[in-house]
Amino acid sequence: MNFLYELKSFFFPKNVLNFNTASPIHPTSRGIPVPTTKLQEGSASLARSAELCPTKAIRIVSDSEVQFDYGRCLQCGICSENSDGKLRDSGFIYTFALSREELKVTYKFGRMEKVSELPFPLTENQKRFQELTKKRGFLYREVAAGGNNTVESELNASFNSVFDSEREGVRCVASPKHADAIVFSGPVGRNMAAPLTTAWEVIAEPKALIACGTEAVSGGLFPQGKLPKEPDLFISGDPPRPDVILQGFRLLMGRFSFRFQEALHKILENV
């Protein structure tokens, strides 16, 4: 059987993801929930969706205004299933940003409010990290800080022949002493706060802290524990797909021009 697979590889092109042409919308994924035109009738009827949301990612401000924190969203689809047609699953999976605030979106009468501060300015640490890694990539140490191991499974998949993380110069290493960044998953349980901080402190500057998965970004279903610092990259999703993780890494390195709210607004306006 292995011989047949090897023979096939000689005659068919390799199925390797092209990051430059990949779409932020995936046809078989739920993605984040977004409003439909029915939300123009008012957001009061979304109370059921807000109540059922496991992570309380939906906040109804008034009959005309509703706020979504996509950094808390599990992309589970419960809210859209109970919204009486006022929400839909968008298939939009690129839920990552260099600023936590960019993952918070306000809709008024069903239309997304554009944020005047975009693009959020890079921190000095993010600028230095981009200068270090844009050409050569980076090494990271992964810390499982109390999660359910799904993020680790997706990180493992990012090294397969389809996503091929190493072609971007991104590799996982065994010790934080050899790393340029810490990628952590989970809500940071009480017993993992100190190990995460220790792993962070032994890395030489400049370095980056990357929150991978909804639990790492916001705590998800659990209270969020103590972090060594504000993360430099937030990748939401429970868990995020390997291509989403790698596109987030490319954004942090300055190889990918992307702004979450700008991309979301463009998609909503073209529907």
Protein backbone atom coordinates (compact mmCIF):
# COMPACT_ATOMS: atom_id res chain seq x y z
CA MET A 1 0.00 0.00 0.00
CA ASN A 2 2.83 2.42 0.81
CA PHE A 3 4.31 1.68 -2.60
CA LEU A 4 1.06 2.79 -4.27
CA TYR A 5 1.07 6.08 -2.32
CA GLU A 6 4.67 6.71 -3.34
CA LEU A 7 3.85 5.90 -6.96
CA LYS A 8 0.89 8.29 -6.86
CA SER A 9 3.15 11.12 -5.65
CA PHE A 10 5.18 10.86 -8.86
CA PHE A 11 2.18 11.47 -11.13
CA PHE A 12 0.01 13.89 -9.15
CA PRO A 13 0.91 17.34 -7.80
CA LYS A 14 1.47 17.66 -4.09
CA ASN A 15 -1.50 18.87 -2.08
CA VAL A 16 0.26 21.71 -0.25
CA LEU A 17 -1.66 24.74 0.97
CA ASN A 18 -0.83 28.02 -0.76
CA PHE A 19 -0.98 30.61 2.02
CA ASN A 20 -1.08 33.50 -0.45
CA THR A 21 -4.30 32.32 -2.13
CA ALA A 22 -6.04 30.68 0.86
CA SER A 23 -9.48 32.06 1.71
CA PRO A 24 -10.58 33.20 5.19
CA ILE A 25 -13.92 31.49 4.52
CA HIS A 26 -14.03 27.71 4.71
CA PRO A 27 -17.00 25.98 3.02
CA THR A 28 -17.33 23.15 5.57
CA SER A 29 -16.62 25.09 8.78
CA ARG A 30 -19.20 26.97 10.83
CA GLY A 31 -16.92 29.90 11.44
CA ILE A 32 -18.09 32.83 13.56
CA PRO A 33 -21.76 33.87 13.81
CA VAL A 34 -22.73 37.08 12.01
CA PRO A 35 -26.05 38.97 11.68
CA THR A 36 -28.52 38.50 8.86
CA THR A 37 -30.75 41.24 7.48
CA LYS A 38 -33.45 40.12 9.94
CA LEU A 39 -31.44 41.69 12.75
CA GLN A 40 -32.48 45.10 11.40
CA GLU A 41 -35.84 44.39 13.05
CA GLY A 42 -34.14 44.61 16.44
CA SER A 43 -31.76 42.63 18.63
CA ALA A 44 -34.06 42.01 21.59
CA SER A 45 -35.03 38.59 20.25
CA LEU A 46 -31.38 37.51 20.48
CA ALA A 47 -31.80 37.15 24.24
CA ARG A 48 -32.18 33.40 23.80
CA SER A 49 -28.92 33.17 21.82
CA ALA A 50 -27.08 35.30 24.38
CA GLU A 51 -28.45 33.16 27.22
CA LEU A 52 -27.40 29.89 25.59
CA CYS A 53 -23.92 31.06 24.54
CA PRO A 54 -21.57 28.89 26.67
CA THR A 55 -18.91 31.61 26.96
CA LYS A 56 -21.21 34.68 27.03
CA ALA A 57 -19.64 36.03 23.85
CA ILE A 58 -22.84 37.94 22.97
CA ARG A 59 -23.93 41.08 24.80
CA ILE A 60 -27.19 42.82 23.96
CA VAL A 61 -26.70 46.53 24.63
CA SER A 62 -30.07 47.77 23.34
CA ASP A 63 -32.77 46.83 20.88
CA SER A 64 -30.58 48.22 18.10
CA GLU A 65 -27.09 47.29 19.31
CA VAL A 66 -25.43 43.95 20.01
CA GLN A 67 -21.77 43.23 20.75
CA PHE A 68 -19.85 40.08 19.89
CA ASP A 69 -16.56 39.12 21.49
CA TYR A 70 -15.11 36.74 18.94
CA GLY A 71 -12.19 36.11 21.28
CA ARG A 72 -14.70 34.27 23.49
CA CYS A 73 -16.54 32.54 20.64
CA LEU A 74 -16.22 28.74 20.39
CA GLN A 75 -17.78 28.72 16.89
CA CYS A 76 -20.18 26.07 18.19
CA GLY A 77 -23.23 27.32 16.28
CA ILE A 78 -25.61 27.30 19.26
CA CYS A 79 -26.39 31.02 18.98
CA SER A 80 -27.23 30.91 15.28
CA GLU A 81 -29.41 27.81 15.75
CA ASN A 82 -31.50 29.65 18.36
CA SER A 83 -31.60 33.12 16.79
CA ASP A 84 -34.84 32.84 14.80
CA GLY A 85 -32.86 33.45 11.62
CA LYS A 86 -31.17 36.65 12.84
CA LEU A 87 -27.72 35.05 12.98
CA ARG A 88 -25.96 32.76 10.55
CA ASP A 89 -22.75 30.74 10.51
CA SER A 90 -20.40 32.69 8.26
CA GLY A 91 -17.66 30.14 7.57
CA PHE A 92 -15.19 32.94 8.44
CA ILE A 93 -12.35 31.19 10.29
CA TYR A 94 -9.52 33.74 10.34
CA THR A 95 -10.23 34.82 13.91
CA PHE A 96 -6.82 36.09 14.87
CA ALA A 97 -5.44 39.53 15.62
CA LEU A 98 -2.45 41.32 17.10
CA SER A 99 -4.74 43.24 19.47
CA ARG A 100 -7.36 41.72 21.77
CA GLU A 101 -9.72 44.65 21.15
CA GLU A 102 -9.87 43.90 17.44
CA LEU A 103 -11.78 40.68 18.15
CA LYS A 104 -14.62 42.69 19.74
CA VAL A 105 -17.25 43.78 17.20
CA THR A 106 -20.37 45.93 17.56
CA TYR A 107 -23.40 45.63 15.28
CA LYS A 108 -26.11 48.30 15.07
CA PHE A 109 -29.34 47.39 13.30
CA GLY A 110 -27.50 44.37 11.92
CA ARG A 111 -24.64 46.35 10.39
CA MET A 112 -21.09 46.19 11.62
CA GLU A 113 -19.73 49.36 13.19
CA LYS A 114 -16.33 50.13 11.71
CA VAL A 115 -13.63 50.92 14.25
CA SER A 116 -12.00 54.27 13.62
CA GLU A 117 -8.75 53.27 15.38
CA LEU A 118 -7.92 50.61 12.78
CA PRO A 119 -5.31 49.51 12.19
CA PHE A 120 -4.31 49.12 15.82
CA PRO A 121 -0.66 50.18 16.15
CA LEU A 122 1.97 47.52 16.78
CA THR A 123 3.63 47.47 20.17
CA GLU A 124 7.37 47.99 20.32
CA ASN A 125 7.81 44.31 21.16
CA GLN A 126 5.77 43.24 18.11
CA LYS A 127 7.88 45.51 15.88
CA ARG A 128 11.11 44.05 17.22
CA PHE A 129 9.81 40.50 16.86
CA GLN A 130 8.85 41.15 13.23
CA GLU A 131 12.31 42.49 12.49
CA LEU A 132 13.80 39.32 13.96
CA THR A 133 11.52 36.78 12.31
CA LYS A 134 10.18 38.16 9.01
CA LYS A 135 12.92 36.54 6.95
CA ARG A 136 14.06 33.58 9.03
CA GLY A 137 10.91 32.44 10.88
CA PHE A 138 10.89 31.51 14.55
CA LEU A 139 11.09 28.64 17.01
CA TYR A 140 8.46 28.18 19.68
CA ARG A 141 7.91 26.19 22.81
CA GLU A 142 4.31 25.07 23.34
CA VAL A 143 2.85 25.14 26.86
CA ALA A 144 -0.36 23.22 27.54
CA ALA A 145 -1.74 25.42 30.31
CA GLY A 146 -4.79 23.42 31.36
CA GLY A 147 -6.54 22.88 28.02
CA ASN A 148 -8.17 19.78 26.54
CA ASN A 149 -5.35 18.88 24.11
CA THR A 150 -7.29 19.86 20.95
CA VAL A 151 -4.98 22.80 20.22
CA GLU A 152 -1.99 20.49 20.56
CA SER A 153 -3.56 18.15 18.00
CA GLU A 154 -3.97 21.01 15.53
CA LEU A 155 -0.41 22.21 16.14
CA ASN A 156 0.80 18.67 15.40
CA ALA A 157 -1.22 18.69 12.18
CA SER A 158 0.39 21.98 11.14
CA PHE A 159 3.61 20.06 10.44
CA ASN A 160 2.05 17.59 8.00
CA SER A 161 2.63 17.71 4.24
CA VAL A 162 -0.48 19.83 3.56
CA PHE A 163 0.24 22.75 5.91
CA ASP A 164 4.01 22.25 6.25
CA SER A 165 4.80 24.73 9.01
CA GLU A 166 8.55 24.34 8.53
CA ARG A 167 8.50 25.88 5.06
CA GLU A 168 7.67 29.13 6.88
CA GLY A 169 10.61 28.58 9.20
CA VAL A 170 8.28 27.86 12.13
CA ARG A 171 9.29 24.92 14.31
CA CYS A 172 8.45 23.62 17.77
CA VAL A 173 11.39 23.03 20.12
CA ALA A 174 11.73 21.03 23.31
CA SER A 175 13.07 23.78 25.54
CA PRO A 176 12.08 27.43 25.92
CA LYS A 177 15.80 28.21 26.10
CA HIS A 178 15.97 27.46 22.38
CA ALA A 179 12.74 29.33 21.51
CA ASP A 180 11.82 32.77 20.22
CA ALA A 181 8.20 32.52 21.38
CA ILE A 182 5.83 30.74 23.72
CA VAL A 183 2.60 29.32 22.27
CA PHE A 184 0.19 28.44 25.06
CA SER A 185 -3.20 26.74 25.07
CA GLY A 186 -5.86 26.45 27.74
CA PRO A 187 -7.25 28.95 30.26
CA VAL A 188 -4.03 28.81 32.35
CA GLY A 189 -5.06 26.76 35.34
CA ARG A 190 -3.83 27.63 38.82
CA ASN A 191 -1.05 25.03 38.71
CA MET A 192 0.12 26.09 35.24
CA ALA A 193 0.50 29.84 35.81
CA ALA A 194 3.97 29.46 37.34
CA PRO A 195 5.33 27.02 34.70
CA LEU A 196 4.06 29.32 31.93
CA THR A 197 5.76 32.31 33.54
CA THR A 198 9.00 30.35 34.04
CA ALA A 199 9.03 29.25 30.40
CA TRP A 200 8.45 32.85 29.34
CA GLU A 201 11.18 34.33 31.52
CA VAL A 202 14.00 32.10 30.24
CA ILE A 203 13.57 33.24 26.60
CA ALA A 204 15.88 35.99 25.42
CA GLU A 205 14.47 39.27 24.06
CA PRO A 206 12.84 39.98 21.67
CA LYS A 207 10.23 37.29 22.22
CA ALA A 208 6.52 36.78 21.68
CA LEU A 209 3.68 35.30 23.71
CA ILE A 210 1.00 33.67 21.56
CA ALA A 211 -2.46 32.74 22.86
CA CYS A 212 -3.70 29.81 20.77
CA GLY A 213 -7.35 28.78 21.08
CA THR A 214 -10.38 30.46 22.62
CA GLU A 215 -9.47 29.27 26.12
CA ALA A 216 -6.04 30.89 25.84
CA VAL A 217 -7.47 34.12 24.42
CA SER A 218 -10.29 34.63 26.94
CA GLY A 219 -10.59 31.61 29.23
CA GLY A 220 -13.47 30.21 27.18
CA LEU A 221 -15.72 28.23 29.51
CA PHE A 222 -13.40 28.88 32.46
CA PRO A 223 -11.92 31.85 34.33
CA GLN A 224 -8.69 32.96 32.72
CA GLY A 225 -5.61 32.51 34.83
CA LYS A 226 -2.59 34.76 35.29
CA LEU A 227 -0.50 35.49 32.19
CA PRO A 228 3.15 36.61 32.17
CA LYS A 229 2.17 39.55 29.94
CA GLU A 230 -0.38 40.66 27.35
CA PRO A 231 -0.06 38.23 24.40
CA ASP A 232 1.40 39.51 21.14
CA LEU A 233 -0.94 37.37 19.03
CA PHE A 234 -4.47 36.10 19.73
CA ILE A 235 -5.75 33.10 17.75
CA SER A 236 -9.35 32.27 18.63
CA GLY A 237 -11.28 29.07 17.86
CA ASP A 238 -11.96 25.88 19.77
CA PRO A 239 -9.60 24.73 18.43
CA PRO A 240 -8.29 26.84 15.53
CA ARG A 241 -7.48 24.93 12.35
CA PRO A 242 -3.78 24.40 11.44
CA ASP A 243 -4.02 26.83 8.50
CA VAL A 244 -5.56 29.47 10.77
CA ILE A 245 -2.74 29.01 13.30
CA LEU A 246 -0.08 29.33 10.61
CA GLN A 247 -1.70 32.38 9.03
CA GLY A 248 -1.70 33.94 12.49
CA PHE A 249 2.01 33.17 12.82
CA ARG A 250 2.60 34.76 9.39
CA LEU A 251 0.71 37.86 10.54
CA LEU A 252 2.92 38.13 13.62
CA MET A 253 6.05 37.80 11.46
CA GLY A 254 4.85 40.52 9.09
CA ARG A 255 4.48 38.15 6.12
CA PHE A 256 0.69 38.42 5.93
CA SER A 257 -1.25 41.67 5.60
CA PHE A 258 -4.51 41.10 7.47
CA ARG A 259 -6.83 42.94 9.83
CA PHE A 260 -9.65 40.91 11.36
CA GLN A 261 -12.29 43.65 11.44
CA GLU A 262 -11.43 44.95 7.97
CA ALA A 263 -11.69 41.43 6.49
CA LEU A 264 -14.96 40.74 8.34
CA HIS A 265 -16.48 44.06 7.24
CA LYS A 266 -15.53 43.38 3.62
CA ILE A 267 -17.12 39.93 3.70
CA LEU A 268 -20.34 41.21 5.29
CA GLU A 269 -20.66 44.03 2.76
CA ASN A 270 -20.25 41.61 -0.16
CA VAL A 271 -22.95 39.21 1.00
